[in-house]
Amino acid sequence: MSNVTAVTDATFDAEVLQADGPVLVDIWATWCAPCRRTEPIIEELAAEHGEMVKFVKLDADANTDTVTRYGVVSIPTFNVYRDGELEKSLVGAQTKKQLLDALSVYLG
């Protein structure tokens, strides 16, 4: 079972903006090769740190309202939200270390 939740335009606010604690949103698309390469890293991070950070995925092609709302112009994009606010945004494929560095403040 995956520790990564799929979100949509309809569920984004409840799952991300109203979440308790930090949330990493992986904005991806099925045709995006870098997104596919990053997917196992996100799954691994969610398994290792899911108790401290919530991990979700948003399909950019199927959820254009949210993508437009947050000005996403390139994928993959990794947005980190806390208390309903966008705190960090990483654009392009990221290594596990880069993602851990971005999340380090939330991991204690």
PDB file of N, CA and C in Angstrom:
ATOM      1  N   MET A   1       0.837  -1.192   0.000  1.00  0.00           N
ATOM      2  CA  MET A   1       0.000   0.000   0.000  1.00  0.00           C
ATOM      3  C   MET A   1       0.878   1.251   0.000  1.00  0.00           C
ATOM      4  N   SER A   2       0.534   2.192  -0.819  1.00  0.00           N
ATOM      5  CA  SER A   2       1.308   3.411  -0.972  1.00  0.00           C
ATOM      6  C   SER A   2       1.064   4.359   0.199  1.00  0.00           C
ATOM      7  N   ASN A   3       2.122   5.072   0.571  1.00  0.00           N
ATOM      8  CA  ASN A   3       2.019   6.114   1.583  1.00  0.00           C
ATOM      9  C   ASN A   3       1.812   7.474   0.938  1.00  0.00           C
ATOM     10  N   VAL A   4       1.561   7.487  -0.367  1.00  0.00           N
ATOM     11  CA  VAL A   4       1.358   8.722  -1.117  1.00  0.00           C
ATOM     12  C   VAL A   4      -0.103   8.776  -1.557  1.00  0.00           C
ATOM     13  N   THR A   5      -0.767   9.874  -1.229  1.00  0.00           N
ATOM     14  CA  THR A   5      -2.180  10.048  -1.537  1.00  0.00           C
ATOM     15  C   THR A   5      -2.336  10.822  -2.841  1.00  0.00           C
ATOM     16  N   ALA A   6      -3.188  10.353  -3.723  1.00  0.00           N
ATOM     17  CA  ALA A   6      -3.508  11.104  -4.940  1.00  0.00           C
ATOM     18  C   ALA A   6      -4.555  12.155  -4.597  1.00  0.00           C
ATOM     19  N   VAL A   7      -4.303  13.397  -5.016  1.00  0.00           N
ATOM     20  CA  VAL A   7      -5.265  14.472  -4.798  1.00  0.00           C
ATOM     21  C   VAL A   7      -5.723  15.022  -6.146  1.00  0.00           C
ATOM     22  N   THR A   8      -6.857  15.704  -6.120  1.00  0.00           N
ATOM     23  CA  THR A   8      -7.446  16.293  -7.320  1.00  0.00           C
ATOM     24  C   THR A   8      -7.791  17.751  -7.030  1.00  0.00           C
ATOM     25  N   ASP A   9      -8.268  18.446  -8.058  1.00  0.00           N
ATOM     26  CA  ASP A   9      -8.759  19.811  -7.833  1.00  0.00           C
ATOM     27  C   ASP A   9      -9.799  19.825  -6.714  1.00  0.00           C
ATOM     28  N   ALA A  10     -10.662  18.817  -6.692  1.00  0.00           N
ATOM     29  CA  ALA A  10     -11.757  18.761  -5.717  1.00  0.00           C
ATOM     30  C   ALA A  10     -11.281  18.474  -4.298  1.00  0.00           C
ATOM     31  N   THR A  11     -10.173  17.747  -4.145  1.00  0.00           N
ATOM     32  CA  THR A  11      -9.720  17.348  -2.807  1.00  0.00           C
ATOM     33  C   THR A  11      -8.488  18.109  -2.319  1.00  0.00           C
ATOM     34  N   PHE A  12      -7.911  18.955  -3.165  1.00  0.00           N
ATOM     35  CA  PHE A  12      -6.653  19.620  -2.826  1.00  0.00           C
ATOM     36  C   PHE A  12      -6.748  20.427  -1.534  1.00  0.00           C
ATOM     37  N   ASP A  13      -7.742  21.272  -1.413  1.00  0.00           N
ATOM     38  CA  ASP A  13      -7.838  22.123  -0.222  1.00  0.00           C
ATOM     39  C   ASP A  13      -7.935  21.297   1.054  1.00  0.00           C
ATOM     40  N   ALA A  14      -8.785  20.286   1.062  1.00  0.00           N
ATOM     41  CA  ALA A  14      -8.964  19.461   2.259  1.00  0.00           C
ATOM     42  C   ALA A  14      -7.716  18.645   2.571  1.00  0.00           C
ATOM     43  N   GLU A  15      -7.102  18.062   1.557  1.00  0.00           N
ATOM     44  CA  GLU A  15      -5.959  17.168   1.768  1.00  0.00           C
ATOM     45  C   GLU A  15      -4.647  17.911   2.004  1.00  0.00           C
ATOM     46  N   VAL A  16      -4.518  19.105   1.427  1.00  0.00           N
ATOM     47  CA  VAL A  16      -3.244  19.828   1.494  1.00  0.00           C
ATOM     48  C   VAL A  16      -3.350  21.068   2.373  1.00  0.00           C
ATOM     49  N   LEU A  17      -4.205  21.982   2.013  1.00  0.00           N
ATOM     50  CA  LEU A  17      -4.259  23.267   2.714  1.00  0.00           C
ATOM     51  C   LEU A  17      -4.804  23.152   4.126  1.00  0.00           C
ATOM     52  N   GLN A  18      -5.679  22.181   4.374  1.00  0.00           N
ATOM     53  CA  GLN A  18      -6.251  22.015   5.706  1.00  0.00           C
ATOM     54  C   GLN A  18      -5.576  20.899   6.502  1.00  0.00           C
ATOM     55  N   ALA A  19      -4.494  20.373   5.984  1.00  0.00           N
ATOM     56  CA  ALA A  19      -3.793  19.273   6.653  1.00  0.00           C
ATOM     57  C   ALA A  19      -3.078  19.770   7.901  1.00  0.00           C
ATOM     58  N   ASP A  20      -2.966  18.877   8.867  1.00  0.00           N
ATOM     59  CA  ASP A  20      -2.144  19.151  10.039  1.00  0.00           C
ATOM     60  C   ASP A  20      -0.707  18.826   9.671  1.00  0.00           C
ATOM     61  N   GLY A  21       0.168  19.801   9.792  1.00  0.00           N
ATOM     62  CA  GLY A  21       1.573  19.566   9.487  1.00  0.00           C
ATOM     63  C   GLY A  21       1.914  19.812   8.028  1.00  0.00           C
ATOM     64  N   PRO A  22       3.192  19.610   7.700  1.00  0.00           N
ATOM     65  CA  PRO A  22       3.666  19.878   6.345  1.00  0.00           C
ATOM     66  C   PRO A  22       3.195  18.830   5.340  1.00  0.00           C
ATOM     67  N   VAL A  23       3.042  19.285   4.088  1.00  0.00           N
ATOM     68  CA  VAL A  23       2.612  18.411   2.994  1.00  0.00           C
ATOM     69  C   VAL A  23       3.516  18.665   1.793  1.00  0.00           C
ATOM     70  N   LEU A  24       4.091  17.605   1.244  1.00  0.00           N
ATOM     71  CA  LEU A  24       4.831  17.707  -0.011  1.00  0.00           C
ATOM     72  C   LEU A  24       3.908  17.262  -1.135  1.00  0.00           C
ATOM     73  N   VAL A  25       3.710  18.148  -2.109  1.00  0.00           N
ATOM     74  CA  VAL A  25       2.864  17.850  -3.262  1.00  0.00           C
ATOM     75  C   VAL A  25       3.763  17.607  -4.470  1.00  0.00           C
ATOM     76  N   ASP A  26       3.689  16.413  -5.019  1.00  0.00           N
ATOM     77  CA  ASP A  26       4.413  16.034  -6.233  1.00  0.00           C
ATOM     78  C   ASP A  26       3.476  16.292  -7.409  1.00  0.00           C
ATOM     79  N   ILE A  27       3.781  17.322  -8.191  1.00  0.00           N
ATOM     80  CA  ILE A  27       2.958  17.665  -9.352  1.00  0.00           C
ATOM     81  C   ILE A  27       3.616  17.034 -10.571  1.00  0.00           C
ATOM     82  N   TRP A  28       2.889  16.141 -11.228  1.00  0.00           N
ATOM     83  CA  TRP A  28       3.467  15.268 -12.248  1.00  0.00           C
ATOM     84  C   TRP A  28       2.489  15.078 -13.408  1.00  0.00           C
ATOM     85  N   ALA A  29       2.941  14.320 -14.408  1.00  0.00           N
ATOM     86  CA  ALA A  29       2.072  13.911 -15.519  1.00  0.00           C
ATOM     87  C   ALA A  29       2.545  12.553 -16.018  1.00  0.00           C
ATOM     88  N   THR A  30       1.636  11.801 -16.595  1.00  0.00           N
ATOM     89  CA  THR A  30       1.957  10.442 -17.041  1.00  0.00           C
ATOM     90  C   THR A  30       3.013  10.422 -18.137  1.00  0.00           C
ATOM     91  N   TRP A  31       3.067  11.443 -18.973  1.00  0.00           N
ATOM     92  CA  TRP A  31       4.000  11.481 -20.096  1.00  0.00           C
ATOM     93  C   TRP A  31       5.375  12.016 -19.711  1.00  0.00           C
ATOM     94  N   CYS A  32       5.562  12.445 -18.479  1.00  0.00           N
ATOM     95  CA  CYS A  32       6.781  13.119 -18.012  1.00  0.00           C
ATOM     96  C   CYS A  32       7.807  12.100 -17.516  1.00  0.00           C
ATOM     97  N   ALA A  33       8.875  11.903 -18.289  1.00  0.00           N
ATOM     98  CA  ALA A  33       9.914  10.932 -17.916  1.00  0.00           C
ATOM     99  C   ALA A  33      10.595  11.282 -16.593  1.00  0.00           C
ATOM    100  N   PRO A  34      10.992  12.541 -16.348  1.00  0.00           N
ATOM    101  CA  PRO A  34      11.583  12.863 -15.043  1.00  0.00           C
ATOM    102  C   PRO A  34      10.623  12.590 -13.879  1.00  0.00           C
ATOM    103  N   CYS A  35       9.328  12.764 -14.123  1.00  0.00           N
ATOM    104  CA  CYS A  35       8.329  12.470 -13.083  1.00  0.00           C
ATOM    105  C   CYS A  35       8.341  10.983 -12.745  1.00  0.00           C
ATOM    106  N   ARG A  36       8.434  10.158 -13.756  1.00  0.00           N
ATOM    107  CA  ARG A  36       8.454   8.703 -13.534  1.00  0.00           C
ATOM    108  C   ARG A  36       9.722   8.282 -12.797  1.00  0.00           C
ATOM    109  N   ARG A  37      10.835   8.944 -13.090  1.00  0.00           N
ATOM    110  CA  ARG A  37      12.090   8.619 -12.395  1.00  0.00           C
ATOM    111  C   ARG A  37      12.039   9.036 -10.931  1.00  0.00           C
ATOM    112  N   THR A  38      11.312  10.090 -10.647  1.00  0.00           N
ATOM    113  CA  THR A  38      11.232  10.606  -9.280  1.00  0.00           C
ATOM    114  C   THR A  38      10.222   9.843  -8.425  1.00  0.00           C
ATOM    115  N   GLU A  39       9.272   9.191  -9.047  1.00  0.00           N
ATOM    116  CA  GLU A  39       8.201   8.507  -8.314  1.00  0.00           C
ATOM    117  C   GLU A  39       8.707   7.549  -7.235  1.00  0.00           C
ATOM    118  N   PRO A  40       9.699   6.675  -7.521  1.00  0.00           N
ATOM    119  CA  PRO A  40      10.168   5.775  -6.459  1.00  0.00           C
ATOM    120  C   PRO A  40      10.813   6.518  -5.286  1.00  0.00           C
ATOM    121  N   ILE A  41      11.416   7.660  -5.569  1.00  0.00           N
ATOM    122  CA  ILE A  41      12.024   8.457  -4.497  1.00  0.00           C
ATOM    123  C   ILE A  41      10.935   8.995  -3.575  1.00  0.00           C
ATOM    124  N   ILE A  42       9.851   9.486  -4.156  1.00  0.00           N
ATOM    125  CA  ILE A  42       8.738  10.001  -3.349  1.00  0.00           C
ATOM    126  C   ILE A  42       8.137   8.878  -2.509  1.00  0.00           C
ATOM    127  N   GLU A  43       7.953   7.714  -3.114  1.00  0.00           N
ATOM    128  CA  GLU A  43       7.417   6.557  -2.377  1.00  0.00           C
ATOM    129  C   GLU A  43       8.334   6.188  -1.206  1.00  0.00           C
ATOM    130  N   GLU A  44       9.635   6.205  -1.458  1.00  0.00           N
ATOM    131  CA  GLU A  44      10.609   5.872  -0.413  1.00  0.00           C
ATOM    132  C   GLU A  44      10.573   6.898   0.713  1.00  0.00           C
ATOM    133  N   LEU A  45      10.558   8.175   0.366  1.00  0.00           N
ATOM    134  CA  LEU A  45      10.489   9.221   1.389  1.00  0.00           C
ATOM    135  C   LEU A  45       9.200   9.127   2.198  1.00  0.00           C
ATOM    136  N   ALA A  46       8.107   8.835   1.535  1.00  0.00           N
ATOM    137  CA  ALA A  46       6.826   8.701   2.236  1.00  0.00           C
ATOM    138  C   ALA A  46       6.865   7.537   3.216  1.00  0.00           C
ATOM    139  N   ALA A  47       7.496   6.442   2.818  1.00  0.00           N
ATOM    140  CA  ALA A  47       7.608   5.285   3.712  1.00  0.00           C
ATOM    141  C   ALA A  47       8.496   5.610   4.912  1.00  0.00           C
ATOM    142  N   GLU A  48       9.537   6.388   4.682  1.00  0.00           N
ATOM    143  CA  GLU A  48      10.496   6.700   5.747  1.00  0.00           C
ATOM    144  C   GLU A  48      10.045   7.843   6.652  1.00  0.00           C
ATOM    145  N   HIS A  49       9.317   8.819   6.102  1.00  0.00           N
ATOM    146  CA  HIS A  49       9.021  10.048   6.847  1.00  0.00           C
ATOM    147  C   HIS A  49       7.542  10.424   6.850  1.00  0.00           C
ATOM    148  N   GLY A  50       6.686   9.492   6.468  1.00  0.00           N
ATOM    149  CA  GLY A  50       5.261   9.772   6.376  1.00  0.00           C
ATOM    150  C   GLY A  50       4.605  10.169   7.684  1.00  0.00           C
ATOM    151  N   GLU A  51       5.234   9.856   8.807  1.00  0.00           N
ATOM    152  CA  GLU A  51       4.659  10.245  10.091  1.00  0.00           C
ATOM    153  C   GLU A  51       4.908  11.723  10.393  1.00  0.00           C
ATOM    154  N   MET A  52       5.859  12.344   9.690  1.00  0.00           N
ATOM    155  CA  MET A  52       6.188  13.753   9.937  1.00  0.00           C
ATOM    156  C   MET A  52       5.741  14.677   8.805  1.00  0.00           C
ATOM    157  N   VAL A  53       5.693  14.140   7.600  1.00  0.00           N
ATOM    158  CA  VAL A  53       5.317  14.912   6.412  1.00  0.00           C
ATOM    159  C   VAL A  53       4.297  14.092   5.630  1.00  0.00           C
ATOM    160  N   LYS A  54       3.236  14.734   5.190  1.00  0.00           N
ATOM    161  CA  LYS A  54       2.254  14.066   4.334  1.00  0.00           C
ATOM    162  C   LYS A  54       2.727  14.202   2.887  1.00  0.00           C
ATOM    163  N   PHE A  55       2.640  13.119   2.126  1.00  0.00           N
ATOM    164  CA  PHE A  55       3.063  13.102   0.727  1.00  0.00           C
ATOM    165  C   PHE A  55       1.849  12.872  -0.155  1.00  0.00           C
ATOM    166  N   VAL A  56       1.664  13.775  -1.135  1.00  0.00           N
ATOM    167  CA  VAL A  56       0.554  13.633  -2.069  1.00  0.00           C
ATOM    168  C   VAL A  56       1.042  13.862  -3.492  1.00  0.00           C
ATOM    169  N   LYS A  57       0.257  13.338  -4.454  1.00  0.00           N
ATOM    170  CA  LYS A  57       0.550  13.508  -5.876  1.00  0.00           C
ATOM    171  C   LYS A  57      -0.631  14.180  -6.547  1.00  0.00           C
ATOM    172  N   LEU A  58      -0.323  15.085  -7.472  1.00  0.00           N
ATOM    173  CA  LEU A  58      -1.351  15.777  -8.242  1.00  0.00           C
ATOM    174  C   LEU A  58      -1.008  15.643  -9.721  1.00  0.00           C
ATOM    175  N   ASP A  59      -1.877  14.990 -10.477  1.00  0.00           N
ATOM    176  CA  ASP A  59      -1.695  14.845 -11.923  1.00  0.00           C
ATOM    177  C   ASP A  59      -1.993  16.197 -12.574  1.00  0.00           C
ATOM    178  N   ALA A  60      -0.961  16.823 -13.140  1.00  0.00           N
ATOM    179  CA  ALA A  60      -1.092  18.170 -13.700  1.00  0.00           C
ATOM    180  C   ALA A  60      -2.087  18.228 -14.852  1.00  0.00           C
ATOM    181  N   ASP A  61      -2.122  17.199 -15.674  1.00  0.00           N
ATOM    182  CA  ASP A  61      -3.018  17.205 -16.832  1.00  0.00           C
ATOM    183  C   ASP A  61      -4.484  17.083 -16.435  1.00  0.00           C
ATOM    184  N   ALA A  62      -4.761  16.343 -15.391  1.00  0.00           N
ATOM    185  CA  ALA A  62      -6.142  16.096 -14.969  1.00  0.00           C
ATOM    186  C   ALA A  62      -6.658  17.142 -13.982  1.00  0.00           C
ATOM    187  N   ASN A  63      -5.772  18.003 -13.484  1.00  0.00           N
ATOM    188  CA  ASN A  63      -6.150  18.948 -12.426  1.00  0.00           C
ATOM    189  C   ASN A  63      -5.622  20.346 -12.733  1.00  0.00           C
ATOM    190  N   THR A  64      -6.040  20.874 -13.857  1.00  0.00           N
ATOM    191  CA  THR A  64      -5.502  22.144 -14.339  1.00  0.00           C
ATOM    192  C   THR A  64      -5.886  23.343 -13.474  1.00  0.00           C
ATOM    193  N   ASP A  65      -6.988  23.266 -12.752  1.00  0.00           N
ATOM    194  CA  ASP A  65      -7.374  24.395 -11.894  1.00  0.00           C
ATOM    195  C   ASP A  65      -6.327  24.639 -10.814  1.00  0.00           C
ATOM    196  N   THR A  66      -5.892  23.582 -10.147  1.00  0.00           N
ATOM    197  CA  THR A  66      -4.894  23.722  -9.085  1.00  0.00           C
ATOM    198  C   THR A  66      -3.543  24.115  -9.666  1.00  0.00           C
ATOM    199  N   VAL A  67      -3.179  23.533 -10.788  1.00  0.00           N
ATOM    200  CA  VAL A  67      -1.911  23.865 -11.445  1.00  0.00           C
ATOM    201  C   VAL A  67      -1.881  25.355 -11.798  1.00  0.00           C
ATOM    202  N   THR A  68      -2.964  25.858 -12.341  1.00  0.00           N
ATOM    203  CA  THR A  68      -3.049  27.276 -12.702  1.00  0.00           C
ATOM    204  C   THR A  68      -3.043  28.153 -11.459  1.00  0.00           C
ATOM    205  N   ARG A  69      -3.778  27.744 -10.451  1.00  0.00           N
ATOM    206  CA  ARG A  69      -3.889  28.506  -9.198  1.00  0.00           C
ATOM    207  C   ARG A  69      -2.532  28.755  -8.554  1.00  0.00           C
ATOM    208  N   TYR A  70      -1.632  27.776  -8.653  1.00  0.00           N
ATOM    209  CA  TYR A  70      -0.316  27.905  -8.035  1.00  0.00           C
ATOM    210  C   TYR A  70       0.786  28.224  -9.036  1.00  0.00           C
ATOM    211  N   GLY A  71       0.427  28.567 -10.257  1.00  0.00           N
ATOM    212  CA  GLY A  71       1.401  29.031 -11.237  1.00  0.00           C
ATOM    213  C   GLY A  71       2.424  27.998 -11.662  1.00  0.00           C
ATOM    214  N   VAL A  72       2.038  26.738 -11.657  1.00  0.00           N
ATOM    215  CA  VAL A  72       2.966  25.677 -12.058  1.00  0.00           C
ATOM    216  C   VAL A  72       3.114  25.718 -13.576  1.00  0.00           C
ATOM    217  N   VAL A  73       4.355  25.882 -14.046  1.00  0.00           N
ATOM    218  CA  VAL A  73       4.607  25.962 -15.485  1.00  0.00           C
ATOM    219  C   VAL A  73       5.526  24.859 -15.983  1.00  0.00           C
ATOM    220  N   SER A  74       6.092  24.100 -15.065  1.00  0.00           N
ATOM    221  CA  SER A  74       7.007  23.027 -15.441  1.00  0.00           C
ATOM    222  C   SER A  74       6.810  21.862 -14.481  1.00  0.00           C
ATOM    223  N   ILE A  75       6.972  20.657 -15.011  1.00  0.00           N
ATOM    224  CA  ILE A  75       6.866  19.485 -14.147  1.00  0.00           C
ATOM    225  C   ILE A  75       8.079  18.587 -14.353  1.00  0.00           C
ATOM    226  N   PRO A  76       8.468  17.858 -13.352  1.00  0.00           N
ATOM    227  CA  PRO A  76       7.826  17.823 -12.040  1.00  0.00           C
ATOM    228  C   PRO A  76       8.080  19.103 -11.244  1.00  0.00           C
ATOM    229  N   THR A  77       7.124  19.429 -10.418  1.00  0.00           N
ATOM    230  CA  THR A  77       7.258  20.486  -9.424  1.00  0.00           C
ATOM    231  C   THR A  77       6.891  19.880  -8.083  1.00  0.00           C
ATOM    232  N   PHE A  78       7.667  20.221  -7.079  1.00  0.00           N
ATOM    233  CA  PHE A  78       7.429  19.736  -5.719  1.00  0.00           C
ATOM    234  C   PHE A  78       7.165  20.952  -4.843  1.00  0.00           C
ATOM    235  N   ASN A  79       5.933  21.088  -4.386  1.00  0.00           N
ATOM    236  CA  ASN A  79       5.555  22.194  -3.513  1.00  0.00           C
ATOM    237  C   ASN A  79       5.392  21.676  -2.094  1.00  0.00           C
ATOM    238  N   VAL A  80       5.890  22.459  -1.144  1.00  0.00           N
ATOM    239  CA  VAL A  80       5.740  22.116   0.266  1.00  0.00           C
ATOM    240  C   VAL A  80       4.832  23.159   0.905  1.00  0.00           C
ATOM    241  N   TYR A  81       3.764  22.684   1.512  1.00  0.00           N
ATOM    242  CA  TYR A  81       2.785  23.536   2.178  1.00  0.00           C
ATOM    243  C   TYR A  81       2.794  23.240   3.673  1.00  0.00           C
ATOM    244  N   ARG A  82       2.553  24.286   4.458  1.00  0.00           N
ATOM    245  CA  ARG A  82       2.322  24.102   5.892  1.00  0.00           C
ATOM    246  C   ARG A  82       1.321  25.157   6.331  1.00  0.00           C
ATOM    247  N   ASP A  83       0.358  24.728   7.108  1.00  0.00           N
ATOM    248  CA  ASP A  83      -0.688  25.622   7.614  1.00  0.00           C
ATOM    249  C   ASP A  83      -1.375  26.382   6.478  1.00  0.00           C
ATOM    250  N   GLY A  84      -1.601  25.693   5.365  1.00  0.00           N
ATOM    251  CA  GLY A  84      -2.321  26.284   4.251  1.00  0.00           C
ATOM    252  C   GLY A  84      -1.513  27.218   3.373  1.00  0.00           C
ATOM    253  N   GLU A  85      -0.232  27.359   3.649  1.00  0.00           N
ATOM    254  CA  GLU A  85       0.620  28.276   2.896  1.00  0.00           C
ATOM    255  C   GLU A  85       1.703  27.519   2.136  1.00  0.00           C
ATOM    256  N   LEU A  86       1.980  27.972   0.922  1.00  0.00           N
ATOM    257  CA  LEU A  86       3.088  27.429   0.146  1.00  0.00           C
ATOM    258  C   LEU A  86       4.383  27.952   0.745  1.00  0.00           C
ATOM    259  N   GLU A  87       5.248  27.039   1.206  1.00  0.00           N
ATOM    260  CA  GLU A  87       6.503  27.443   1.834  1.00  0.00           C
ATOM    261  C   GLU A  87       7.708  27.263   0.925  1.00  0.00           C
ATOM    262  N   LYS A  88       7.684  26.224   0.083  1.00  0.00           N
ATOM    263  CA  LYS A  88       8.827  25.945  -0.791  1.00  0.00           C
ATOM    264  C   LYS A  88       8.322  25.382  -2.098  1.00  0.00           C
ATOM    265  N   SER A  89       9.086  25.642  -3.157  1.00  0.00           N
ATOM    266  CA  SER A  89       8.772  25.065  -4.454  1.00  0.00           C
ATOM    267  C   SER A  89      10.075  24.662  -5.132  1.00  0.00           C
ATOM    268  N   LEU A  90      10.145  23.410  -5.554  1.00  0.00           N
ATOM    269  CA  LEU A  90      11.307  22.886  -6.271  1.00  0.00           C
ATOM    270  C   LEU A  90      10.832  22.462  -7.651  1.00  0.00           C
ATOM    271  N   VAL A  91      11.498  22.948  -8.679  1.00  0.00           N
ATOM    272  CA  VAL A  91      11.085  22.658 -10.045  1.00  0.00           C
ATOM    273  C   VAL A  91      12.123  21.764 -10.708  1.00  0.00           C
ATOM    274  N   GLY A  92      11.644  20.740 -11.386  1.00  0.00           N
ATOM    275  CA  GLY A  92      12.525  19.806 -12.076  1.00  0.00           C
ATOM    276  C   GLY A  92      12.781  18.573 -11.238  1.00  0.00           C
ATOM    277  N   ALA A  93      13.377  17.574 -11.873  1.00  0.00           N
ATOM    278  CA  ALA A  93      13.685  16.325 -11.173  1.00  0.00           C
ATOM    279  C   ALA A  93      14.616  16.615  -9.999  1.00  0.00           C
ATOM    280  N   GLN A  94      14.359  15.970  -8.892  1.00  0.00           N
ATOM    281  CA  GLN A  94      15.145  16.156  -7.676  1.00  0.00           C
ATOM    282  C   GLN A  94      15.688  14.807  -7.216  1.00  0.00           C
ATOM    283  N   THR A  95      16.854  14.850  -6.600  1.00  0.00           N
ATOM    284  CA  THR A  95      17.403  13.646  -5.993  1.00  0.00           C
ATOM    285  C   THR A  95      16.776  13.472  -4.612  1.00  0.00           C
ATOM    286  N   LYS A  96      16.970  12.309  -4.044  1.00  0.00           N
ATOM    287  CA  LYS A  96      16.474  12.072  -2.687  1.00  0.00           C
ATOM    288  C   LYS A  96      17.098  13.075  -1.722  1.00  0.00           C
ATOM    289  N   LYS A  97      18.390  13.328  -1.871  1.00  0.00           N
ATOM    290  CA  LYS A  97      19.072  14.273  -0.988  1.00  0.00           C
ATOM    291  C   LYS A  97      18.488  15.678  -1.120  1.00  0.00           C
ATOM    292  N   GLN A  98      18.217  16.119  -2.336  1.00  0.00           N
ATOM    293  CA  GLN A  98      17.637  17.450  -2.532  1.00  0.00           C
ATOM    294  C   GLN A  98      16.268  17.561  -1.861  1.00  0.00           C
ATOM    295  N   LEU A  99      15.466  16.528  -1.991  1.00  0.00           N
ATOM    296  CA  LEU A  99      14.148  16.547  -1.358  1.00  0.00           C
ATOM    297  C   LEU A  99      14.269  16.485   0.159  1.00  0.00           C
ATOM    298  N   LEU A 100      15.185  15.670   0.658  1.00  0.00           N
ATOM    299  CA  LEU A 100      15.409  15.615   2.108  1.00  0.00           C
ATOM    300  C   LEU A 100      15.882  16.964   2.635  1.00  0.00           C
ATOM    301  N   ASP A 101      16.775  17.621   1.899  1.00  0.00           N
ATOM    302  CA  ASP A 101      17.239  18.948   2.313  1.00  0.00           C
ATOM    303  C   ASP A 101      16.068  19.925   2.395  1.00  0.00           C
ATOM    304  N   ALA A 102      15.169  19.871   1.415  1.00  0.00           N
ATOM    305  CA  ALA A 102      14.010  20.768   1.403  1.00  0.00           C
ATOM    306  C   ALA A 102      13.063  20.480   2.565  1.00  0.00           C
ATOM    307  N   LEU A 103      13.017  19.227   2.994  1.00  0.00           N
ATOM    308  CA  LEU A 103      12.111  18.819   4.074  1.00  0.00           C
ATOM    309  C   LEU A 103      12.775  18.807   5.444  1.00  0.00           C
ATOM    310  N   SER A 104      14.069  19.058   5.505  1.00  0.00           N
ATOM    311  CA  SER A 104      14.831  18.864   6.746  1.00  0.00           C
ATOM    312  C   SER A 104      14.256  19.632   7.929  1.00  0.00           C
ATOM    313  N   VAL A 105      13.748  20.823   7.711  1.00  0.00           N
ATOM    314  CA  VAL A 105      13.191  21.620   8.801  1.00  0.00           C
ATOM    315  C   VAL A 105      11.976  20.936   9.434  1.00  0.00           C
ATOM    316  N   TYR A 106      11.299  20.093   8.690  1.00  0.00           N
ATOM    317  CA  TYR A 106      10.103  19.407   9.187  1.00  0.00           C
ATOM    318  C   TYR A 106      10.414  18.038   9.789  1.00  0.00           C
ATOM    319  N   LEU A 107      11.621  17.554   9.554  1.00  0.00           N
ATOM    320  CA  LEU A 107      11.970  16.200   9.984  1.00  0.00           C
ATOM    321  C   LEU A 107      12.654  16.166  11.339  1.00  0.00           C
ATOM    322  N   GLY A 108      12.866  17.331  11.936  1.00  0.00           N
ATOM    323  CA  GLY A 108      13.447  17.383  13.268  1.00  0.00           C
ATOM    324  C   GLY A 108      14.897  17.127  13.227  1.00  0.00           C
TER     325      GLY A 108
END
